[in-house]
Amino acid sequence: FTPSPQDIERRVEALLFAAAGPLSLADIQRRLPEGADAEAAVLALRDRYAGRGVVLEQVADRWRFQTAPDLAFMMTEEREEPRRLSRAALETL
């Protein structure tokens, strides 16, 4: 049984989604059936996710899904943290 290119893409997508960190092409290739083209699958996925809320990016020769750069502002949460004064500062007051 030889998986289709679409099946290979699905497998690569699942690997990248579930990975604890970015994966190199060699890492991906090791988890695919012999003869599968990991690079073609990764590039096809990158094109498929282009312009979406999540994109496939290469960082230091490793691939990962990340929030689209233009939506990154939505991932930051601003909150005020009360600062505790030191004992010396309280005595000064």
Protein backbone atom coordinates (compact mmCIF):
# COMPACT_ATOMS: atom_id res chain seq x y z
CA PHE A 1 0.00 0.00 0.00
CA THR A 2 1.43 3.35 -1.07
CA PRO A 3 -0.23 6.38 0.56
CA SER A 4 -1.42 9.13 -1.75
CA PRO A 5 0.15 12.62 -1.60
CA GLN A 6 -3.01 13.83 0.18
CA ASP A 7 -2.64 11.10 2.79
CA ILE A 8 1.01 12.06 3.31
CA GLU A 9 -0.07 15.70 3.76
CA ARG A 10 -2.63 14.62 6.37
CA ARG A 11 0.02 12.68 8.24
CA VAL A 12 2.47 15.58 8.17
CA GLU A 13 -0.27 17.96 9.30
CA ALA A 14 -1.08 15.68 12.25
CA LEU A 15 2.61 15.39 13.18
CA LEU A 16 3.17 19.14 13.12
CA PHE A 17 -0.04 19.88 15.00
CA ALA A 18 0.69 17.42 17.80
CA ALA A 19 4.44 18.02 18.10
CA ALA A 20 5.74 19.59 21.30
CA GLY A 21 8.09 21.76 19.23
CA PRO A 22 9.12 22.49 15.66
CA LEU A 23 10.12 19.48 13.52
CA SER A 24 12.86 19.23 10.93
CA LEU A 25 12.23 17.57 7.57
CA ALA A 26 14.38 14.66 8.77
CA ASP A 27 12.15 14.27 11.87
CA ILE A 28 9.06 14.27 9.68
CA GLN A 29 10.54 11.91 7.10
CA ARG A 30 11.41 9.33 9.79
CA ARG A 31 7.74 9.10 10.78
CA LEU A 32 6.42 8.65 7.24
CA PRO A 33 6.26 5.52 5.11
CA GLU A 34 9.32 4.76 3.01
CA GLY A 35 9.33 6.70 -0.23
CA ALA A 36 7.04 9.48 1.03
CA ASP A 37 8.10 12.99 0.04
CA ALA A 38 8.08 14.96 3.29
CA GLU A 39 9.32 18.16 1.67
CA ALA A 40 6.57 18.19 -0.96
CA ALA A 41 3.95 17.57 1.74
CA VAL A 42 5.28 20.37 3.95
CA LEU A 43 5.39 22.84 1.05
CA ALA A 44 1.86 21.88 -0.02
CA LEU A 45 0.64 22.43 3.55
CA ARG A 46 2.43 25.78 3.74
CA ASP A 47 0.61 26.88 0.58
CA ARG A 48 -2.71 25.54 1.86
CA TYR A 49 -2.43 27.47 5.14
CA ALA A 50 -1.20 30.72 3.54
CA GLY A 51 -3.53 33.59 4.43
CA ARG A 52 -5.30 31.67 7.20
CA GLY A 53 -5.37 32.36 10.93
CA VAL A 54 -2.73 29.70 11.47
CA VAL A 55 0.24 29.42 9.12
CA LEU A 56 3.01 26.89 8.63
CA GLU A 57 6.38 28.58 9.09
CA GLN A 58 9.97 27.46 8.93
CA VAL A 59 12.12 28.60 11.84
CA ALA A 60 15.79 27.60 11.97
CA ASP A 61 15.32 24.67 9.54
CA ARG A 62 12.33 23.37 11.50
CA TRP A 63 8.63 23.61 10.72
CA ARG A 64 5.78 24.62 13.03
CA PHE A 65 2.25 25.95 12.97
CA GLN A 66 1.90 29.43 14.44
CA THR A 67 -0.58 32.25 14.62
CA ALA A 68 -0.59 34.42 11.52
CA PRO A 69 1.65 37.45 12.12
CA ASP A 70 -1.15 39.94 11.48
CA LEU A 71 -3.27 38.29 14.21
CA ALA A 72 -0.55 37.96 16.84
CA PHE A 73 -1.91 41.01 18.70
CA MET A 74 -4.92 38.93 19.69
CA MET A 75 -2.74 36.50 21.62
CA THR A 76 -1.40 39.04 24.08
CA GLU A 77 -3.25 39.66 27.29
CA GLU A 78 -2.61 42.77 29.25
CA ARG A 79 -3.22 42.62 32.94
CA GLU A 80 -2.14 44.65 35.86
CA GLU A 81 -0.20 42.89 38.53
CA PRO A 82 -0.15 44.52 41.93
CA ARG A 83 3.37 45.27 43.10
CA ARG A 84 4.21 44.48 46.65
CA LEU A 85 6.39 46.94 48.42
CA SER A 86 9.42 45.75 50.31
CA ARG A 87 9.52 46.07 54.08
CA ALA A 88 11.99 48.97 53.71
CA ALA A 89 9.67 50.77 51.32
CA LEU A 90 6.72 50.29 53.65
CA GLU A 91 8.74 51.67 56.60
CA THR A 92 9.71 54.68 54.51
CA LEU A 93 6.07 55.43 53.75
